[in-house]
Amino acid sequence: MLSVNTDETRAEALEFKKHFKTGFATLVNGGSVARTYGVTGIPTNVVIRKDGKIARVIEGFDAQTLDAAVKSVAAK
């Protein structure tokens, strides 16, 4: 899992990680990554298969949908 922060400073992103105790890497100033994947809203979750192809794009935060998408990709 990789978090891409597109609109905060490095300090703000690090504070967020510290506060929420995330266990994954965060790319700061990831505007080019967001453009590459067609992200138009925050949050957007992009589930990528092992072969690098996009399996699912989920706009907004829906834990059940994200969980199901990740499990589906992991099972293949």
PDB file of N, CA and C in Angstrom:
ATOM      1  N   MET A   1       0.850  -1.162   0.000  1.00  0.00           N
ATOM      2  CA  MET A   1       0.000   0.000   0.000  1.00  0.00           C
ATOM      3  C   MET A   1       0.898   1.228   0.000  1.00  0.00           C
ATOM      4  N   LEU A   2       0.485   2.218  -0.747  1.00  0.00           N
ATOM      5  CA  LEU A   2       1.203   3.480  -0.839  1.00  0.00           C
ATOM      6  C   LEU A   2       0.188   4.609  -0.784  1.00  0.00           C
ATOM      7  N   SER A   3       0.446   5.574   0.037  1.00  0.00           N
ATOM      8  CA  SER A   3      -0.389   6.764   0.128  1.00  0.00           C
ATOM      9  C   SER A   3       0.247   7.857  -0.717  1.00  0.00           C
ATOM     10  N   VAL A   4      -0.562   8.587  -1.466  1.00  0.00           N
ATOM     11  CA  VAL A   4      -0.064   9.694  -2.272  1.00  0.00           C
ATOM     12  C   VAL A   4      -0.748  10.966  -1.783  1.00  0.00           C
ATOM     13  N   ASN A   5       0.033  11.867  -1.239  1.00  0.00           N
ATOM     14  CA  ASN A   5      -0.477  13.125  -0.718  1.00  0.00           C
ATOM     15  C   ASN A   5      -0.240  14.193  -1.776  1.00  0.00           C
ATOM     16  N   THR A   6      -1.314  14.795  -2.271  1.00  0.00           N
ATOM     17  CA  THR A   6      -1.196  15.730  -3.385  1.00  0.00           C
ATOM     18  C   THR A   6      -1.277  17.198  -3.001  1.00  0.00           C
ATOM     19  N   ASP A   7      -1.710  17.500  -1.783  1.00  0.00           N
ATOM     20  CA  ASP A   7      -1.969  18.912  -1.511  1.00  0.00           C
ATOM     21  C   ASP A   7      -1.473  19.431  -0.167  1.00  0.00           C
ATOM     22  N   GLU A   8      -0.636  18.681   0.516  1.00  0.00           N
ATOM     23  CA  GLU A   8      -0.108  19.154   1.793  1.00  0.00           C
ATOM     24  C   GLU A   8       1.418  19.211   1.734  1.00  0.00           C
ATOM     25  N   THR A   9       1.969  19.961   2.646  1.00  0.00           N
ATOM     26  CA  THR A   9       3.434  20.016   2.744  1.00  0.00           C
ATOM     27  C   THR A   9       3.946  18.705   3.329  1.00  0.00           C
ATOM     28  N   ARG A  10       5.238  18.502   3.218  1.00  0.00           N
ATOM     29  CA  ARG A  10       5.853  17.300   3.806  1.00  0.00           C
ATOM     30  C   ARG A  10       5.578  17.235   5.309  1.00  0.00           C
ATOM     31  N   ALA A  11       5.716  18.364   6.003  1.00  0.00           N
ATOM     32  CA  ALA A  11       5.488  18.409   7.454  1.00  0.00           C
ATOM     33  C   ALA A  11       4.053  18.017   7.790  1.00  0.00           C
ATOM     34  N   GLU A  12       3.095  18.541   7.024  1.00  0.00           N
ATOM     35  CA  GLU A  12       1.687  18.205   7.270  1.00  0.00           C
ATOM     36  C   GLU A  12       1.425  16.720   7.023  1.00  0.00           C
ATOM     37  N   ALA A  13       2.001  16.181   5.970  1.00  0.00           N
ATOM     38  CA  ALA A  13       1.811  14.763   5.650  1.00  0.00           C
ATOM     39  C   ALA A  13       2.411  13.881   6.745  1.00  0.00           C
ATOM     40  N   LEU A  14       3.581  14.247   7.238  1.00  0.00           N
ATOM     41  CA  LEU A  14       4.214  13.475   8.308  1.00  0.00           C
ATOM     42  C   LEU A  14       3.404  13.544   9.600  1.00  0.00           C
ATOM     43  N   GLU A  15       2.827  14.696   9.874  1.00  0.00           N
ATOM     44  CA  GLU A  15       1.994  14.843  11.067  1.00  0.00           C
ATOM     45  C   GLU A  15       0.752  13.952  10.955  1.00  0.00           C
ATOM     46  N   PHE A  16       0.160  13.890   9.762  1.00  0.00           N
ATOM     47  CA  PHE A  16      -0.994  13.021   9.530  1.00  0.00           C
ATOM     48  C   PHE A  16      -0.609  11.569   9.799  1.00  0.00           C
ATOM     49  N   LYS A  17       0.533  11.127   9.243  1.00  0.00           N
ATOM     50  CA  LYS A  17       0.989   9.747   9.447  1.00  0.00           C
ATOM     51  C   LYS A  17       1.220   9.461  10.926  1.00  0.00           C
ATOM     52  N   LYS A  18       1.799  10.425  11.621  1.00  0.00           N
ATOM     53  CA  LYS A  18       2.067  10.255  13.047  1.00  0.00           C
ATOM     54  C   LYS A  18       0.765  10.152  13.828  1.00  0.00           C
ATOM     55  N   HIS A  19      -0.175  11.020  13.526  1.00  0.00           N
ATOM     56  CA  HIS A  19      -1.451  11.051  14.246  1.00  0.00           C
ATOM     57  C   HIS A  19      -2.266   9.777  14.026  1.00  0.00           C
ATOM     58  N   PHE A  20      -2.325   9.321  12.767  1.00  0.00           N
ATOM     59  CA  PHE A  20      -3.147   8.154  12.445  1.00  0.00           C
ATOM     60  C   PHE A  20      -2.355   6.842  12.453  1.00  0.00           C
ATOM     61  N   LYS A  21      -1.050   6.933  12.715  1.00  0.00           N
ATOM     62  CA  LYS A  21      -0.188   5.748  12.824  1.00  0.00           C
ATOM     63  C   LYS A  21      -0.322   4.818  11.618  1.00  0.00           C
ATOM     64  N   THR A  22      -0.221   5.394  10.431  1.00  0.00           N
ATOM     65  CA  THR A  22      -0.286   4.577   9.228  1.00  0.00           C
ATOM     66  C   THR A  22       0.983   3.748   9.115  1.00  0.00           C
ATOM     67  N   GLY A  23       0.868   2.565   8.587  1.00  0.00           N
ATOM     68  CA  GLY A  23       2.009   1.678   8.478  1.00  0.00           C
ATOM     69  C   GLY A  23       2.514   1.535   7.056  1.00  0.00           C
ATOM     70  N   PHE A  24       2.213   2.504   6.210  1.00  0.00           N
ATOM     71  CA  PHE A  24       2.626   2.413   4.814  1.00  0.00           C
ATOM     72  C   PHE A  24       3.298   3.707   4.379  1.00  0.00           C
ATOM     73  N   ALA A  25       4.026   3.616   3.287  1.00  0.00           N
ATOM     74  CA  ALA A  25       4.775   4.757   2.770  1.00  0.00           C
ATOM     75  C   ALA A  25       3.843   5.837   2.229  1.00  0.00           C
ATOM     76  N   THR A  26       4.306   7.081   2.298  1.00  0.00           N
ATOM     77  CA  THR A  26       3.545   8.202   1.751  1.00  0.00           C
ATOM     78  C   THR A  26       4.421   8.984   0.784  1.00  0.00           C
ATOM     79  N   LEU A  27       3.921   9.155  -0.429  1.00  0.00           N
ATOM     80  CA  LEU A  27       4.578   9.987  -1.429  1.00  0.00           C
ATOM     81  C   LEU A  27       3.992  11.388  -1.295  1.00  0.00           C
ATOM     82  N   VAL A  28       4.832  12.372  -1.024  1.00  0.00           N
ATOM     83  CA  VAL A  28       4.371  13.745  -0.835  1.00  0.00           C
ATOM     84  C   VAL A  28       4.537  14.506  -2.142  1.00  0.00           C
ATOM     85  N   ASN A  29       3.619  15.444  -2.398  1.00  0.00           N
ATOM     86  CA  ASN A  29       3.614  16.235  -3.624  1.00  0.00           C
ATOM     87  C   ASN A  29       3.461  15.327  -4.843  1.00  0.00           C
ATOM     88  N   GLY A  30       2.517  14.415  -4.747  1.00  0.00           N
ATOM     89  CA  GLY A  30       2.315  13.417  -5.795  1.00  0.00           C
ATOM     90  C   GLY A  30       1.357  13.843  -6.884  1.00  0.00           C
ATOM     91  N   GLY A  31       1.378  15.112  -7.251  1.00  0.00           N
ATOM     92  CA  GLY A  31       0.468  15.610  -8.291  1.00  0.00           C
ATOM     93  C   GLY A  31       0.601  14.863  -9.601  1.00  0.00           C
ATOM     94  N   SER A  32       1.822  14.531  -9.994  1.00  0.00           N
ATOM     95  CA  SER A  32       1.999  13.812 -11.259  1.00  0.00           C
ATOM     96  C   SER A  32       1.438  12.399 -11.176  1.00  0.00           C
ATOM     97  N   VAL A  33       1.531  11.777 -10.010  1.00  0.00           N
ATOM     98  CA  VAL A  33       0.948  10.444  -9.821  1.00  0.00           C
ATOM     99  C   VAL A  33      -0.575  10.538  -9.927  1.00  0.00           C
ATOM    100  N   ALA A  34      -1.146  11.543  -9.296  1.00  0.00           N
ATOM    101  CA  ALA A  34      -2.594  11.734  -9.363  1.00  0.00           C
ATOM    102  C   ALA A  34      -3.048  11.943 -10.801  1.00  0.00           C
ATOM    103  N   ARG A  35      -2.308  12.724 -11.557  1.00  0.00           N
ATOM    104  CA  ARG A  35      -2.665  12.946 -12.968  1.00  0.00           C
ATOM    105  C   ARG A  35      -2.543  11.653 -13.772  1.00  0.00           C
ATOM    106  N   THR A  36      -1.512  10.871 -13.520  1.00  0.00           N
ATOM    107  CA  THR A  36      -1.300   9.612 -14.237  1.00  0.00           C
ATOM    108  C   THR A  36      -2.481   8.670 -14.059  1.00  0.00           C
ATOM    109  N   TYR A  37      -3.024   8.615 -12.852  1.00  0.00           N
ATOM    110  CA  TYR A  37      -4.128   7.711 -12.563  1.00  0.00           C
ATOM    111  C   TYR A  37      -5.499   8.370 -12.689  1.00  0.00           C
ATOM    112  N   GLY A  38      -5.547   9.604 -13.156  1.00  0.00           N
ATOM    113  CA  GLY A  38      -6.824  10.267 -13.398  1.00  0.00           C
ATOM    114  C   GLY A  38      -7.597  10.610 -12.142  1.00  0.00           C
ATOM    115  N   VAL A  39      -6.888  10.889 -11.055  1.00  0.00           N
ATOM    116  CA  VAL A  39      -7.546  11.217  -9.798  1.00  0.00           C
ATOM    117  C   VAL A  39      -8.129  12.621  -9.892  1.00  0.00           C
ATOM    118  N   THR A  40      -9.426  12.718  -9.623  1.00  0.00           N
ATOM    119  CA  THR A  40     -10.093  14.025  -9.662  1.00  0.00           C
ATOM    120  C   THR A  40     -10.673  14.417  -8.311  1.00  0.00           C
ATOM    121  N   GLY A  41     -10.755  13.486  -7.384  1.00  0.00           N
ATOM    122  CA  GLY A  41     -11.290  13.770  -6.054  1.00  0.00           C
ATOM    123  C   GLY A  41     -10.460  13.084  -4.987  1.00  0.00           C
ATOM    124  N   ILE A  42     -10.567  13.614  -3.785  1.00  0.00           N
ATOM    125  CA  ILE A  42      -9.822  13.072  -2.654  1.00  0.00           C
ATOM    126  C   ILE A  42     -10.832  12.609  -1.611  1.00  0.00           C
ATOM    127  N   PRO A  43     -10.718  11.423  -1.087  1.00  0.00           N
ATOM    128  CA  PRO A  43      -9.709  10.420  -1.419  1.00  0.00           C
ATOM    129  C   PRO A  43     -10.119   9.600  -2.641  1.00  0.00           C
ATOM    130  N   THR A  44      -9.138   9.099  -3.325  1.00  0.00           N
ATOM    131  CA  THR A  44      -9.334   8.132  -4.404  1.00  0.00           C
ATOM    132  C   THR A  44      -8.385   6.977  -4.133  1.00  0.00           C
ATOM    133  N   ASN A  45      -8.910   5.780  -4.204  1.00  0.00           N
ATOM    134  CA  ASN A  45      -8.103   4.577  -3.994  1.00  0.00           C
ATOM    135  C   ASN A  45      -7.956   3.860  -5.322  1.00  0.00           C
ATOM    136  N   VAL A  46      -6.722   3.564  -5.698  1.00  0.00           N
ATOM    137  CA  VAL A  46      -6.444   2.835  -6.933  1.00  0.00           C
ATOM    138  C   VAL A  46      -5.858   1.487  -6.524  1.00  0.00           C
ATOM    139  N   VAL A  47      -6.564   0.423  -6.848  1.00  0.00           N
ATOM    140  CA  VAL A  47      -6.100  -0.924  -6.538  1.00  0.00           C
ATOM    141  C   VAL A  47      -5.397  -1.446  -7.791  1.00  0.00           C
ATOM    142  N   ILE A  48      -4.126  -1.782  -7.647  1.00  0.00           N
ATOM    143  CA  ILE A  48      -3.293  -2.180  -8.781  1.00  0.00           C
ATOM    144  C   ILE A  48      -2.913  -3.650  -8.630  1.00  0.00           C
ATOM    145  N   ARG A  49      -3.100  -4.399  -9.698  1.00  0.00           N
ATOM    146  CA  ARG A  49      -2.755  -5.818  -9.687  1.00  0.00           C
ATOM    147  C   ARG A  49      -1.238  -6.002  -9.692  1.00  0.00           C
ATOM    148  N   LYS A  50      -0.789  -7.211  -9.429  1.00  0.00           N
ATOM    149  CA  LYS A  50       0.646  -7.514  -9.411  1.00  0.00           C
ATOM    150  C   LYS A  50       1.309  -7.213 -10.747  1.00  0.00           C
ATOM    151  N   ASP A  51       0.539  -7.322 -11.840  1.00  0.00           N
ATOM    152  CA  ASP A  51       1.114  -7.063 -13.165  1.00  0.00           C
ATOM    153  C   ASP A  51       1.166  -5.573 -13.492  1.00  0.00           C
ATOM    154  N   GLY A  52       0.763  -4.719 -12.539  1.00  0.00           N
ATOM    155  CA  GLY A  52       0.825  -3.273 -12.716  1.00  0.00           C
ATOM    156  C   GLY A  52      -0.406  -2.649 -13.339  1.00  0.00           C
ATOM    157  N   LYS A  53      -1.386  -3.458 -13.698  1.00  0.00           N
ATOM    158  CA  LYS A  53      -2.610  -2.924 -14.309  1.00  0.00           C
ATOM    159  C   LYS A  53      -3.614  -2.540 -13.222  1.00  0.00           C
ATOM    160  N   ILE A  54      -4.390  -1.518 -13.522  1.00  0.00           N
ATOM    161  CA  ILE A  54      -5.392  -1.043 -12.571  1.00  0.00           C
ATOM    162  C   ILE A  54      -6.546  -2.039 -12.516  1.00  0.00           C
ATOM    163  N   ALA A  55      -6.857  -2.497 -11.307  1.00  0.00           N
ATOM    164  CA  ALA A  55      -7.967  -3.415 -11.108  1.00  0.00           C
ATOM    165  C   ALA A  55      -9.248  -2.652 -10.775  1.00  0.00           C
ATOM    166  N   ARG A  56      -9.109  -1.557 -10.023  1.00  0.00           N
ATOM    167  CA  ARG A  56     -10.299  -0.832  -9.583  1.00  0.00           C
ATOM    168  C   ARG A  56      -9.912   0.563  -9.128  1.00  0.00           C
ATOM    169  N   VAL A  57     -10.748   1.547  -9.432  1.00  0.00           N
ATOM    170  CA  VAL A  57     -10.595   2.908  -8.929  1.00  0.00           C
ATOM    171  C   VAL A  57     -11.830   3.204  -8.094  1.00  0.00           C
ATOM    172  N   ILE A  58     -11.615   3.599  -6.851  1.00  0.00           N
ATOM    173  CA  ILE A  58     -12.717   3.855  -5.927  1.00  0.00           C
ATOM    174  C   ILE A  58     -12.605   5.291  -5.443  1.00  0.00           C
ATOM    175  N   GLU A  59     -13.548   6.123  -5.845  1.00  0.00           N
ATOM    176  CA  GLU A  59     -13.558   7.513  -5.389  1.00  0.00           C
ATOM    177  C   GLU A  59     -14.332   7.608  -4.084  1.00  0.00           C
ATOM    178  N   GLY A  60     -13.850   8.465  -3.180  1.00  0.00           N
ATOM    179  CA  GLY A  60     -14.464   8.552  -1.866  1.00  0.00           C
ATOM    180  C   GLY A  60     -13.920   7.444  -0.992  1.00  0.00           C
ATOM    181  N   PHE A  61     -14.391   7.365   0.230  1.00  0.00           N
ATOM    182  CA  PHE A  61     -13.905   6.306   1.109  1.00  0.00           C
ATOM    183  C   PHE A  61     -15.053   5.412   1.507  1.00  0.00           C
ATOM    184  N   ASP A  62     -14.983   4.181   1.058  1.00  0.00           N
ATOM    185  CA  ASP A  62     -15.941   3.145   1.416  1.00  0.00           C
ATOM    186  C   ASP A  62     -15.120   1.926   1.805  1.00  0.00           C
ATOM    187  N   ALA A  63     -14.950   1.723   3.092  1.00  0.00           N
ATOM    188  CA  ALA A  63     -14.065   0.667   3.591  1.00  0.00           C
ATOM    189  C   ALA A  63     -14.455  -0.708   3.071  1.00  0.00           C
ATOM    190  N   GLN A  64     -15.736  -1.004   2.987  1.00  0.00           N
ATOM    191  CA  GLN A  64     -16.171  -2.324   2.522  1.00  0.00           C
ATOM    192  C   GLN A  64     -15.812  -2.545   1.058  1.00  0.00           C
ATOM    193  N   THR A  65     -16.027  -1.533   0.232  1.00  0.00           N
ATOM    194  CA  THR A  65     -15.706  -1.645  -1.194  1.00  0.00           C
ATOM    195  C   THR A  65     -14.209  -1.798  -1.390  1.00  0.00           C
ATOM    196  N   LEU A  66     -13.430  -0.996  -0.675  1.00  0.00           N
ATOM    197  CA  LEU A  66     -11.972  -1.077  -0.781  1.00  0.00           C
ATOM    198  C   LEU A  66     -11.477  -2.442  -0.311  1.00  0.00           C
ATOM    199  N   ASP A  67     -11.984  -2.910   0.804  1.00  0.00           N
ATOM    200  CA  ASP A  67     -11.593  -4.216   1.337  1.00  0.00           C
ATOM    201  C   ASP A  67     -11.888  -5.326   0.336  1.00  0.00           C
ATOM    202  N   ALA A  68     -13.077  -5.297  -0.252  1.00  0.00           N
ATOM    203  CA  ALA A  68     -13.457  -6.320  -1.233  1.00  0.00           C
ATOM    204  C   ALA A  68     -12.562  -6.265  -2.470  1.00  0.00           C
ATOM    205  N   ALA A  69     -12.226  -5.060  -2.913  1.00  0.00           N
ATOM    206  CA  ALA A  69     -11.369  -4.913  -4.099  1.00  0.00           C
ATOM    207  C   ALA A  69      -9.970  -5.444  -3.841  1.00  0.00           C
ATOM    208  N   VAL A  70      -9.416  -5.125  -2.683  1.00  0.00           N
ATOM    209  CA  VAL A  70      -8.070  -5.595  -2.336  1.00  0.00           C
ATOM    210  C   VAL A  70      -8.068  -7.116  -2.194  1.00  0.00           C
ATOM    211  N   LYS A  71      -9.067  -7.654  -1.527  1.00  0.00           N
ATOM    212  CA  LYS A  71      -9.139  -9.116  -1.382  1.00  0.00           C
ATOM    213  C   LYS A  71      -9.285  -9.815  -2.724  1.00  0.00           C
ATOM    214  N   SER A  72     -10.055  -9.227  -3.610  1.00  0.00           N
ATOM    215  CA  SER A  72     -10.240  -9.806  -4.934  1.00  0.00           C
ATOM    216  C   SER A  72      -8.927  -9.858  -5.704  1.00  0.00           C
ATOM    217  N   VAL A  73      -8.162  -8.792  -5.656  1.00  0.00           N
ATOM    218  CA  VAL A  73      -6.883  -8.738  -6.350  1.00  0.00           C
ATOM    219  C   VAL A  73      -5.870  -9.672  -5.683  1.00  0.00           C
ATOM    220  N   ALA A  74      -5.864  -9.714  -4.378  1.00  0.00           N
ATOM    221  CA  ALA A  74      -4.909 -10.558  -3.644  1.00  0.00           C
ATOM    222  C   ALA A  74      -5.166 -12.034  -3.885  1.00  0.00           C
ATOM    223  N   ALA A  75      -6.417 -12.396  -4.157  1.00  0.00           N
ATOM    224  CA  ALA A  75      -6.784 -13.808  -4.353  1.00  0.00           C
ATOM    225  C   ALA A  75      -6.356 -14.338  -5.716  1.00  0.00           C
ATOM    226  N   LYS A  76      -5.985 -13.446  -6.629  1.00  0.00           N
ATOM    227  CA  LYS A  76      -5.649 -13.878  -7.989  1.00  0.00           C
ATOM    228  C   LYS A  76      -4.180 -14.131  -8.158  1.00  0.00           C
TER     229      LYS A  76
END
